[in-house]
PDB file of N, CA and C in Angstrom:
ATOM      1  N   MET A   1     220.231  27.922  12.288  1.00  0.00           N
ATOM      2  CA  MET A   1     219.072  27.478  13.048  1.00  0.00           C
ATOM      3  C   MET A   1     218.087  26.726  12.159  1.00  0.00           C
ATOM      4  N   ILE A   2     217.914  27.197  10.914  1.00  0.00           N
ATOM      5  CA  ILE A   2     216.988  26.532   9.992  1.00  0.00           C
ATOM      6  C   ILE A   2     217.483  25.127   9.674  1.00  0.00           C
ATOM      7  N   TRP A   3     218.801  25.002   9.429  1.00  0.00           N
ATOM      8  CA  TRP A   3     219.348  23.688   9.121  1.00  0.00           C
ATOM      9  C   TRP A   3     219.202  22.736  10.298  1.00  0.00           C
ATOM     10  N   LEU A   4     219.382  23.232  11.492  1.00  0.00           N
ATOM     11  CA  LEU A   4     219.216  22.404  12.681  1.00  0.00           C
ATOM     12  C   LEU A   4     217.774  21.906  12.788  1.00  0.00           C
ATOM     13  N   THR A   5     216.825  22.772  12.510  1.00  0.00           N
ATOM     14  CA  THR A   5     215.413  22.389  12.544  1.00  0.00           C
ATOM     15  C   THR A   5     215.108  21.342  11.483  1.00  0.00           C
ATOM     16  N   ILE A   6     215.606  21.540  10.268  1.00  0.00           N
ATOM     17  CA  ILE A   6     215.364  20.595   9.177  1.00  0.00           C
ATOM     18  C   ILE A   6     215.968  19.228   9.502  1.00  0.00           C
ATOM     19  N   ILE A   7     217.191  19.215   9.981  1.00  0.00           N
ATOM     20  CA  ILE A   7     217.858  17.949  10.304  1.00  0.00           C
ATOM     21  C   ILE A   7     217.159  17.249  11.468  1.00  0.00           C
ATOM     22  N   THR A   8     216.753  17.996  12.470  1.00  0.00           N
ATOM     23  CA  THR A   8     216.049  17.411  13.609  1.00  0.00           C
ATOM     24  C   THR A   8     214.721  16.801  13.177  1.00  0.00           C
ATOM     25  N   MET A   9     213.976  17.505  12.350  1.00  0.00           N
ATOM     26  CA  MET A   9     212.702  16.976  11.866  1.00  0.00           C
ATOM     27  C   MET A   9     212.916  15.738  11.000  1.00  0.00           C
ATOM     28  N   ALA A  10     213.947  15.739  10.183  1.00  0.00           N
ATOM     29  CA  ALA A  10     214.252  14.565   9.353  1.00  0.00           C
ATOM     30  C   ALA A  10     214.575  13.361  10.227  1.00  0.00           C
ATOM     31  N   ILE A  11     215.355  13.566  11.275  1.00  0.00           N
ATOM     32  CA  ILE A  11     215.699  12.471  12.184  1.00  0.00           C
ATOM     33  C   ILE A  11     214.454  11.949  12.897  1.00  0.00           C
ATOM     34  N   LEU A  12     213.593  12.850  13.347  1.00  0.00           N
ATOM     35  CA  LEU A  12     212.364  12.430  14.024  1.00  0.00           C
ATOM     36  C   LEU A  12     211.445  11.633  13.104  1.00  0.00           C
ATOM     37  N   VAL A  13     211.268  12.113  11.884  1.00  0.00           N
ATOM     38  CA  VAL A  13     210.393  11.413  10.941  1.00  0.00           C
ATOM     39  C   VAL A  13     210.979  10.061  10.569  1.00  0.00           C
ATOM     40  N   PHE A  14     212.265  10.025  10.231  1.00  0.00           N
ATOM     41  CA  PHE A  14     212.897   8.757   9.881  1.00  0.00           C
ATOM     42  C   PHE A  14     212.859   7.778  11.050  1.00  0.00           C
ATOM     43  N   GLY A  15     213.166   8.253  12.232  1.00  0.00           N
ATOM     44  CA  GLY A  15     213.163   7.384  13.407  1.00  0.00           C
ATOM     45  C   GLY A  15     211.800   6.801  13.699  1.00  0.00           C
ATOM     46  N   SER A  16     210.769   7.612  13.632  1.00  0.00           N
ATOM     47  CA  SER A  16     209.428   7.112  13.919  1.00  0.00           C
ATOM     48  C   SER A  16     208.972   6.118  12.861  1.00  0.00           C
ATOM     49  N   ARG A  17     209.345   6.334  11.614  1.00  0.00           N
ATOM     50  CA  ARG A  17     208.991   5.374  10.556  1.00  0.00           C
ATOM     51  C   ARG A  17     209.801   4.087  10.698  1.00  0.00           C
ATOM     52  N   TYR A  18     211.066   4.212  10.972  1.00  0.00           N
ATOM     53  CA  TYR A  18     211.958   3.060  11.040  1.00  0.00           C
ATOM     54  C   TYR A  18     211.574   2.113  12.175  1.00  0.00           C
ATOM     55  N   LEU A  19     211.177   2.672  13.307  1.00  0.00           N
ATOM     56  CA  LEU A  19     210.819   1.835  14.445  1.00  0.00           C
ATOM     57  C   LEU A  19     209.680   0.876  14.134  1.00  0.00           C
ATOM     58  N   PHE A  20     208.695   1.322  13.375  1.00  0.00           N
ATOM     59  CA  PHE A  20     207.521   0.500  13.138  1.00  0.00           C
ATOM     60  C   PHE A  20     207.569  -0.268  11.826  1.00  0.00           C
ATOM     61  N   LEU A  21     208.443   0.111  10.909  1.00  0.00           N
ATOM     62  CA  LEU A  21     208.491  -0.561   9.617  1.00  0.00           C
ATOM     63  C   LEU A  21     209.611  -1.590   9.510  1.00  0.00           C
ATOM     64  N   GLU A  22     210.609  -1.517  10.344  1.00  0.00           N
ATOM     65  CA  GLU A  22     211.708  -2.476  10.298  1.00  0.00           C
ATOM     66  C   GLU A  22     211.293  -3.764  11.003  1.00  0.00           C
ATOM     67  N   PRO A  23     211.183  -4.868  10.262  1.00  0.00           N
ATOM     68  CA  PRO A  23     210.696  -6.108  10.886  1.00  0.00           C
ATOM     69  C   PRO A  23     211.671  -6.733  11.880  1.00  0.00           C
ATOM     70  N   LYS A  24     212.944  -6.370  11.829  1.00  0.00           N
ATOM     71  CA  LYS A  24     213.925  -6.964  12.743  1.00  0.00           C
ATOM     72  C   LYS A  24     213.870  -6.367  14.151  1.00  0.00           C
ATOM     73  N   LEU A  25     213.263  -5.184  14.276  1.00  0.00           N
ATOM     74  CA  LEU A  25     213.170  -4.558  15.597  1.00  0.00           C
ATOM     75  C   LEU A  25     211.998  -5.157  16.375  1.00  0.00           C
ATOM     76  N   PRO A  26     212.150  -5.359  17.675  1.00  0.00           N
ATOM     77  CA  PRO A  26     211.096  -6.016  18.465  1.00  0.00           C
ATOM     78  C   PRO A  26     209.994  -5.066  18.948  1.00  0.00           C
ATOM     79  N   VAL A  27     209.697  -4.014  18.225  1.00  0.00           N
ATOM     80  CA  VAL A  27     208.656  -3.078  18.645  1.00  0.00           C
ATOM     81  C   VAL A  27     207.314  -3.554  18.088  1.00  0.00           C
ATOM     82  N   ARG A  28     206.402  -3.890  18.964  1.00  0.00           N
ATOM     83  CA  ARG A  28     205.064  -4.328  18.570  1.00  0.00           C
ATOM     84  C   ARG A  28     204.038  -3.501  19.344  1.00  0.00           C
ATOM     85  N   LEU A  29     202.985  -3.114  18.662  1.00  0.00           N
ATOM     86  CA  LEU A  29     201.933  -2.327  19.305  1.00  0.00           C
ATOM     87  C   LEU A  29     200.798  -3.251  19.735  1.00  0.00           C
ATOM     88  N   SER A  30     200.153  -2.897  20.831  1.00  0.00           N
ATOM     89  CA  SER A  30     199.034  -3.716  21.316  1.00  0.00           C
ATOM     90  C   SER A  30     197.814  -3.536  20.416  1.00  0.00           C
ATOM     91  N   LYS A  31     196.857  -4.441  20.569  1.00  0.00           N
ATOM     92  CA  LYS A  31     195.633  -4.382  19.766  1.00  0.00           C
ATOM     93  C   LYS A  31     194.867  -3.086  20.032  1.00  0.00           C
ATOM     94  N   ASN A  32     194.826  -2.648  21.290  1.00  0.00           N
ATOM     95  CA  ASN A  32     194.128  -1.397  21.621  1.00  0.00           C
ATOM     96  C   ASN A  32     194.794  -0.194  20.963  1.00  0.00           C
ATOM     97  N   THR A  33     196.119  -0.184  20.936  1.00  0.00           N
ATOM     98  CA  THR A  33     196.842   0.920  20.307  1.00  0.00           C
ATOM     99  C   THR A  33     196.599   0.937  18.810  1.00  0.00           C
ATOM    100  N   LEU A  34     196.619  -0.236  18.173  1.00  0.00           N
ATOM    101  CA  LEU A  34     196.347  -0.306  16.738  1.00  0.00           C
ATOM    102  C   LEU A  34     194.928   0.146  16.412  1.00  0.00           C
ATOM    103  N   THR A  35     193.976  -0.233  17.243  1.00  0.00           N
ATOM    104  CA  THR A  35     192.601   0.215  17.051  1.00  0.00           C
ATOM    105  C   THR A  35     192.505   1.726  17.193  1.00  0.00           C
ATOM    106  N   PHE A  36     193.168   2.274  18.200  1.00  0.00           N
ATOM    107  CA  PHE A  36     193.175   3.715  18.412  1.00  0.00           C
ATOM    108  C   PHE A  36     193.808   4.449  17.223  1.00  0.00           C
ATOM    109  N   LEU A  37     194.909   3.923  16.711  1.00  0.00           N
ATOM    110  CA  LEU A  37     195.601   4.560  15.586  1.00  0.00           C
ATOM    111  C   LEU A  37     194.822   4.449  14.281  1.00  0.00           C
ATOM    112  N   SER A  38     193.916   3.484  14.176  1.00  0.00           N
ATOM    113  CA  SER A  38     193.141   3.343  12.945  1.00  0.00           C
ATOM    114  C   SER A  38     192.214   4.539  12.713  1.00  0.00           C
ATOM    115  N   TYR A  39     191.940   5.315  13.747  1.00  0.00           N
ATOM    116  CA  TYR A  39     191.093   6.501  13.616  1.00  0.00           C
ATOM    117  C   TYR A  39     191.877   7.746  13.203  1.00  0.00           C
ATOM    118  N   SER A  40     193.194   7.685  13.196  1.00  0.00           N
ATOM    119  CA  SER A  40     193.981   8.888  12.921  1.00  0.00           C
ATOM    120  C   SER A  40     193.895   9.322  11.462  1.00  0.00           C
ATOM    121  N   ALA A  41     193.935   8.399  10.518  1.00  0.00           N
ATOM    122  CA  ALA A  41     193.875   8.781   9.102  1.00  0.00           C
ATOM    123  C   ALA A  41     192.552   9.462   8.746  1.00  0.00           C
ATOM    124  N   PRO A  42     191.390   8.899   9.108  1.00  0.00           N
ATOM    125  CA  PRO A  42     190.147   9.615   8.808  1.00  0.00           C
ATOM    126  C   PRO A  42     190.056  10.976   9.498  1.00  0.00           C
ATOM    127  N   ALA A  43     190.581  11.073  10.707  1.00  0.00           N
ATOM    128  CA  ALA A  43     190.531  12.353  11.415  1.00  0.00           C
ATOM    129  C   ALA A  43     191.384  13.407  10.717  1.00  0.00           C
ATOM    130  N   VAL A  44     192.581  13.028  10.287  1.00  0.00           N
ATOM    131  CA  VAL A  44     193.464  13.974   9.598  1.00  0.00           C
ATOM    132  C   VAL A  44     192.876  14.372   8.247  1.00  0.00           C
ATOM    133  N   LEU A  45     192.368  13.394   7.490  1.00  0.00           N
ATOM    134  CA  LEU A  45     191.773  13.710   6.187  1.00  0.00           C
ATOM    135  C   LEU A  45     190.555  14.617   6.326  1.00  0.00           C
ATOM    136  N   THR A  46     189.742  14.383   7.345  1.00  0.00           N
ATOM    137  CA  THR A  46     188.587  15.246   7.576  1.00  0.00           C
ATOM    138  C   THR A  46     189.024  16.666   7.918  1.00  0.00           C
ATOM    139  N   ALA A  47     190.050  16.799   8.725  1.00  0.00           N
ATOM    140  CA  ALA A  47     190.549  18.129   9.076  1.00  0.00           C
ATOM    141  C   ALA A  47     191.123  18.855   7.864  1.00  0.00           C
ATOM    142  N   ILE A  48     191.635  18.106   6.893  1.00  0.00           N
ATOM    143  CA  ILE A  48     192.174  18.735   5.686  1.00  0.00           C
ATOM    144  C   ILE A  48     191.066  19.123   4.715  1.00  0.00           C
ATOM    145  N   PHE A  49     190.131  18.200   4.440  1.00  0.00           N
ATOM    146  CA  PHE A  49     189.174  18.476   3.372  1.00  0.00           C
ATOM    147  C   PHE A  49     187.958  19.289   3.813  1.00  0.00           C
ATOM    148  N   ALA A  50     187.576  19.252   5.069  1.00  0.00           N
ATOM    149  CA  ALA A  50     186.370  19.961   5.500  1.00  0.00           C
ATOM    150  C   ALA A  50     186.419  21.464   5.225  1.00  0.00           C
ATOM    151  N   PRO A  51     187.487  22.175   5.562  1.00  0.00           N
ATOM    152  CA  PRO A  51     187.511  23.608   5.244  1.00  0.00           C
ATOM    153  C   PRO A  51     187.518  23.882   3.733  1.00  0.00           C
ATOM    154  N   ILE A  52     188.165  22.996   2.965  1.00  0.00           N
ATOM    155  CA  ILE A  52     188.214  23.199   1.514  1.00  0.00           C
ATOM    156  C   ILE A  52     186.836  23.031   0.905  1.00  0.00           C
ATOM    157  N   VAL A  53     186.098  22.026   1.355  1.00  0.00           N
ATOM    158  CA  VAL A  53     184.801  21.708   0.751  1.00  0.00           C
ATOM    159  C   VAL A  53     183.698  22.628   1.257  1.00  0.00           C
ATOM    160  N   PHE A  54     183.672  22.927   2.538  1.00  0.00           N
ATOM    161  CA  PHE A  54     182.518  23.594   3.124  1.00  0.00           C
ATOM    162  C   PHE A  54     182.659  25.098   3.329  1.00  0.00           C
ATOM    163  N   ILE A  55     183.853  25.658   3.227  1.00  0.00           N
ATOM    164  CA  ILE A  55     184.019  27.083   3.531  1.00  0.00           C
ATOM    165  C   ILE A  55     184.507  27.827   2.298  1.00  0.00           C
ATOM    166  N   ARG A  56     183.798  28.868   1.923  1.00  0.00           N
ATOM    167  CA  ARG A  56     184.158  29.761   0.824  1.00  0.00           C
ATOM    168  C   ARG A  56     184.175  31.187   1.349  1.00  0.00           C
ATOM    169  N   GLU A  57     185.292  31.843   1.195  1.00  0.00           N
ATOM    170  CA  GLU A  57     185.459  33.243   1.595  1.00  0.00           C
ATOM    171  C   GLU A  57     185.062  33.472   3.049  1.00  0.00           C
ATOM    172  N   GLY A  58     185.433  32.541   3.903  1.00  0.00           N
ATOM    173  CA  GLY A  58     185.198  32.690   5.328  1.00  0.00           C
ATOM    174  C   GLY A  58     183.810  32.348   5.805  1.00  0.00           C
ATOM    175  N   GLU A  59     182.933  31.884   4.903  1.00  0.00           N
ATOM    176  CA  GLU A  59     181.568  31.556   5.293  1.00  0.00           C
ATOM    177  C   GLU A  59     181.208  30.154   4.839  1.00  0.00           C
ATOM    178  N   LEU A  60     180.249  29.559   5.516  1.00  0.00           N
ATOM    179  CA  LEU A  60     179.778  28.227   5.172  1.00  0.00           C
ATOM    180  C   LEU A  60     179.100  28.254   3.814  1.00  0.00           C
ATOM    181  N   ALA A  61     179.516  27.373   2.909  1.00  0.00           N
ATOM    182  CA  ALA A  61     178.992  27.366   1.536  1.00  0.00           C
ATOM    183  C   ALA A  61     178.309  26.040   1.257  1.00  0.00           C
ATOM    184  N   LEU A  62     177.012  25.972   1.530  1.00  0.00           N
ATOM    185  CA  LEU A  62     176.240  24.757   1.286  1.00  0.00           C
ATOM    186  C   LEU A  62     175.224  25.000   0.175  1.00  0.00           C
ATOM    187  N   SER A  63     175.726  25.368  -0.993  1.00  0.00           N
ATOM    188  CA  SER A  63     174.827  25.638  -2.123  1.00  0.00           C
ATOM    189  C   SER A  63     175.271  24.839  -3.335  1.00  0.00           C
ATOM    190  N   LEU A  64     174.424  24.814  -4.355  1.00  0.00           N
ATOM    191  CA  LEU A  64     174.726  24.047  -5.560  1.00  0.00           C
ATOM    192  C   LEU A  64     175.756  24.710  -6.459  1.00  0.00           C
ATOM    193  N   ASP A  65     176.159  25.930  -6.175  1.00  0.00           N
ATOM    194  CA  ASP A  65     177.220  26.552  -6.968  1.00  0.00           C
ATOM    195  C   ASP A  65     178.611  26.309  -6.350  1.00  0.00           C
ATOM    196  N   ASN A  66     178.692  25.489  -5.318  1.00  0.00           N
ATOM    197  CA  ASN A  66     179.964  25.100  -4.709  1.00  0.00           C
ATOM    198  C   ASN A  66     180.445  23.814  -5.389  1.00  0.00           C
ATOM    199  N   SER A  67     181.343  23.949  -6.345  1.00  0.00           N
ATOM    200  CA  SER A  67     181.807  22.786  -7.108  1.00  0.00           C
ATOM    201  C   SER A  67     182.580  21.797  -6.237  1.00  0.00           C
ATOM    202  N   TYR A  68     183.246  22.281  -5.213  1.00  0.00           N
ATOM    203  CA  TYR A  68     183.952  21.391  -4.295  1.00  0.00           C
ATOM    204  C   TYR A  68     182.967  20.469  -3.568  1.00  0.00           C
ATOM    205  N   LEU A  69     181.858  21.039  -3.131  1.00  0.00           N
ATOM    206  CA  LEU A  69     180.854  20.269  -2.415  1.00  0.00           C
ATOM    207  C   LEU A  69     180.195  19.237  -3.328  1.00  0.00           C
ATOM    208  N   ILE A  70     179.871  19.623  -4.545  1.00  0.00           N
ATOM    209  CA  ILE A  70     179.242  18.691  -5.493  1.00  0.00           C
ATOM    210  C   ILE A  70     180.173  17.515  -5.795  1.00  0.00           C
ATOM    211  N   ALA A  71     181.434  17.804  -6.071  1.00  0.00           N
ATOM    212  CA  ALA A  71     182.396  16.739  -6.362  1.00  0.00           C
ATOM    213  C   ALA A  71     182.634  15.859  -5.135  1.00  0.00           C
ATOM    214  N   ALA A  72     182.648  16.440  -3.945  1.00  0.00           N
ATOM    215  CA  ALA A  72     182.855  15.656  -2.725  1.00  0.00           C
ATOM    216  C   ALA A  72     181.674  14.729  -2.454  1.00  0.00           C
ATOM    217  N   VAL A  73     180.463  15.214  -2.676  1.00  0.00           N
ATOM    218  CA  VAL A  73     179.281  14.374  -2.487  1.00  0.00           C
ATOM    219  C   VAL A  73     179.290  13.226  -3.493  1.00  0.00           C
ATOM    220  N   LEU A  74     179.611  13.526  -4.748  1.00  0.00           N
ATOM    221  CA  LEU A  74     179.698  12.477  -5.759  1.00  0.00           C
ATOM    222  C   LEU A  74     180.778  11.465  -5.394  1.00  0.00           C
ATOM    223  N   ALA A  75     181.929  11.929  -4.939  1.00  0.00           N
ATOM    224  CA  ALA A  75     183.019  11.029  -4.553  1.00  0.00           C
ATOM    225  C   ALA A  75     182.588  10.129  -3.399  1.00  0.00           C
ATOM    226  N   ALA A  76     181.891  10.680  -2.425  1.00  0.00           N
ATOM    227  CA  ALA A  76     181.436   9.877  -1.288  1.00  0.00           C
ATOM    228  C   ALA A  76     180.433   8.818  -1.740  1.00  0.00           C
ATOM    229  N   LEU A  77     179.504   9.204  -2.605  1.00  0.00           N
ATOM    230  CA  LEU A  77     178.520   8.242  -3.110  1.00  0.00           C
ATOM    231  C   LEU A  77     179.177   7.147  -3.946  1.00  0.00           C
ATOM    232  N   LEU A  78     180.092   7.546  -4.821  1.00  0.00           N
ATOM    233  CA  LEU A  78     180.798   6.556  -5.633  1.00  0.00           C
ATOM    234  C   LEU A  78     181.637   5.612  -4.774  1.00  0.00           C
ATOM    235  N   ALA A  79     182.323   6.148  -3.801  1.00  0.00           N
ATOM    236  CA  ALA A  79     183.149   5.315  -2.927  1.00  0.00           C
ATOM    237  C   ALA A  79     182.285   4.327  -2.151  1.00  0.00           C
ATOM    238  N   TYR A  80     181.139   4.787  -1.715  1.00  0.00           N
ATOM    239  CA  TYR A  80     180.245   3.915  -0.950  1.00  0.00           C
ATOM    240  C   TYR A  80     179.640   2.821  -1.816  1.00  0.00           C
ATOM    241  N   THR A  81     179.236   3.157  -3.033  1.00  0.00           N
ATOM    242  CA  THR A  81     178.553   2.181  -3.876  1.00  0.00           C
ATOM    243  C   THR A  81     179.503   1.261  -4.635  1.00  0.00           C
ATOM    244  N   THR A  82     180.602   1.795  -5.162  1.00  0.00           N
ATOM    245  CA  THR A  82     181.469   0.971  -6.002  1.00  0.00           C
ATOM    246  C   THR A  82     182.640   0.346  -5.257  1.00  0.00           C
ATOM    247  N   ARG A  83     183.110   0.974  -4.205  1.00  0.00           N
ATOM    248  CA  ARG A  83     184.301   0.526  -3.466  1.00  0.00           C
ATOM    249  C   ARG A  83     185.527   0.441  -4.388  1.00  0.00           C
ATOM    250  N   ASN A  84     185.556   1.297  -5.400  1.00  0.00           N
ATOM    251  CA  ASN A  84     186.647   1.318  -6.377  1.00  0.00           C
ATOM    252  C   ASN A  84     187.336   2.672  -6.283  1.00  0.00           C
ATOM    253  N   ILE A  85     188.559   2.680  -5.787  1.00  0.00           N
ATOM    254  CA  ILE A  85     189.270   3.935  -5.535  1.00  0.00           C
ATOM    255  C   ILE A  85     189.589   4.662  -6.830  1.00  0.00           C
ATOM    256  N   LEU A  86     190.062   3.929  -7.839  1.00  0.00           N
ATOM    257  CA  LEU A  86     190.439   4.561  -9.100  1.00  0.00           C
ATOM    258  C   LEU A  86     189.231   5.181  -9.785  1.00  0.00           C
ATOM    259  N   LEU A  87     188.132   4.451  -9.879  1.00  0.00           N
ATOM    260  CA  LEU A  87     186.918   4.986 -10.501  1.00  0.00           C
ATOM    261  C   LEU A  87     186.414   6.209  -9.748  1.00  0.00           C
ATOM    262  N   THR A  88     186.390   6.131  -8.439  1.00  0.00           N
ATOM    263  CA  THR A  88     185.930   7.255  -7.622  1.00  0.00           C
ATOM    264  C   THR A  88     186.789   8.488  -7.855  1.00  0.00           C
ATOM    265  N   THR A  89     188.092   8.315  -7.866  1.00  0.00           N
ATOM    266  CA  THR A  89     189.005   9.446  -8.044  1.00  0.00           C
ATOM    267  C   THR A  89     188.864  10.066  -9.422  1.00  0.00           C
ATOM    268  N   VAL A  90     188.875   9.240 -10.449  1.00  0.00           N
ATOM    269  CA  VAL A  90     188.825   9.758 -11.823  1.00  0.00           C
ATOM    270  C   VAL A  90     187.490  10.437 -12.111  1.00  0.00           C
ATOM    271  N   VAL A  91     186.392   9.813 -11.748  1.00  0.00           N
ATOM    272  CA  VAL A  91     185.072  10.389 -12.049  1.00  0.00           C
ATOM    273  C   VAL A  91     184.833  11.664 -11.250  1.00  0.00           C
ATOM    274  N   SER A  92     185.147  11.670  -9.969  1.00  0.00           N
ATOM    275  CA  SER A  92     184.897  12.877  -9.168  1.00  0.00           C
ATOM    276  C   SER A  92     185.819  14.022  -9.580  1.00  0.00           C
ATOM    277  N   MET A  93     187.079  13.716  -9.935  1.00  0.00           N
ATOM    278  CA  MET A  93     187.954  14.771 -10.420  1.00  0.00           C
ATOM    279  C   MET A  93     187.494  15.294 -11.781  1.00  0.00           C
ATOM    280  N   GLY A  94     187.054  14.386 -12.642  1.00  0.00           N
ATOM    281  CA  GLY A  94     186.528  14.801 -13.947  1.00  0.00           C
ATOM    282  C   GLY A  94     185.331  15.727 -13.808  1.00  0.00           C
ATOM    283  N   LEU A  95     184.388  15.361 -12.935  1.00  0.00           N
ATOM    284  CA  LEU A  95     183.223  16.217 -12.704  1.00  0.00           C
ATOM    285  C   LEU A  95     183.651  17.562 -12.138  1.00  0.00           C
ATOM    286  N   PHE A  96     184.596  17.539 -11.204  1.00  0.00           N
ATOM    287  CA  PHE A  96     185.051  18.799 -10.620  1.00  0.00           C
ATOM    288  C   PHE A  96     185.655  19.716 -11.686  1.00  0.00           C
ATOM    289  N   PHE A  97     186.510  19.176 -12.547  1.00  0.00           N
ATOM    290  CA  PHE A  97     187.124  19.994 -13.597  1.00  0.00           C
ATOM    291  C   PHE A  97     186.095  20.498 -14.603  1.00  0.00           C
ATOM    292  N   ILE A  98     185.062  19.718 -14.861  1.00  0.00           N
ATOM    293  CA  ILE A  98     184.021  20.153 -15.798  1.00  0.00           C
ATOM    294  C   ILE A  98     183.205  21.304 -15.213  1.00  0.00           C
ATOM    295  N   ILE A  99     182.808  21.192 -13.954  1.00  0.00           N
ATOM    296  CA  ILE A  99     181.927  22.219 -13.381  1.00  0.00           C
ATOM    297  C   ILE A  99     182.684  23.389 -12.764  1.00  0.00           C
ATOM    298  N   HIS A 100     183.966  23.246 -12.531  1.00  0.00           N
ATOM    299  CA  HIS A 100     184.728  24.334 -11.934  1.00  0.00           C
ATOM    300  C   HIS A 100     185.272  25.167 -13.065  1.00  0.00           C
TER     301      HIS A 100
END
């Protein structure tokens, strides 16, 4: 049963990627669909990082001793001001490792 699940999931993932990435296939998405899908990455990333940054031991942690929050705020400010992904990643990770 586990192998069947793994193989089925592999087929689903490969199929969904192949349909949209293979240029020879005539599958094209409308402008409205592309606009709608552009919101999926920020929504997924927010759902992943929000509990990590804002919740400690089951409670909301909005204090200066939350190293995750400090590094996230710095990363957001750096990303907004510099628009440089590498600089933002390296500096915010460096600060996080120093204060954590």
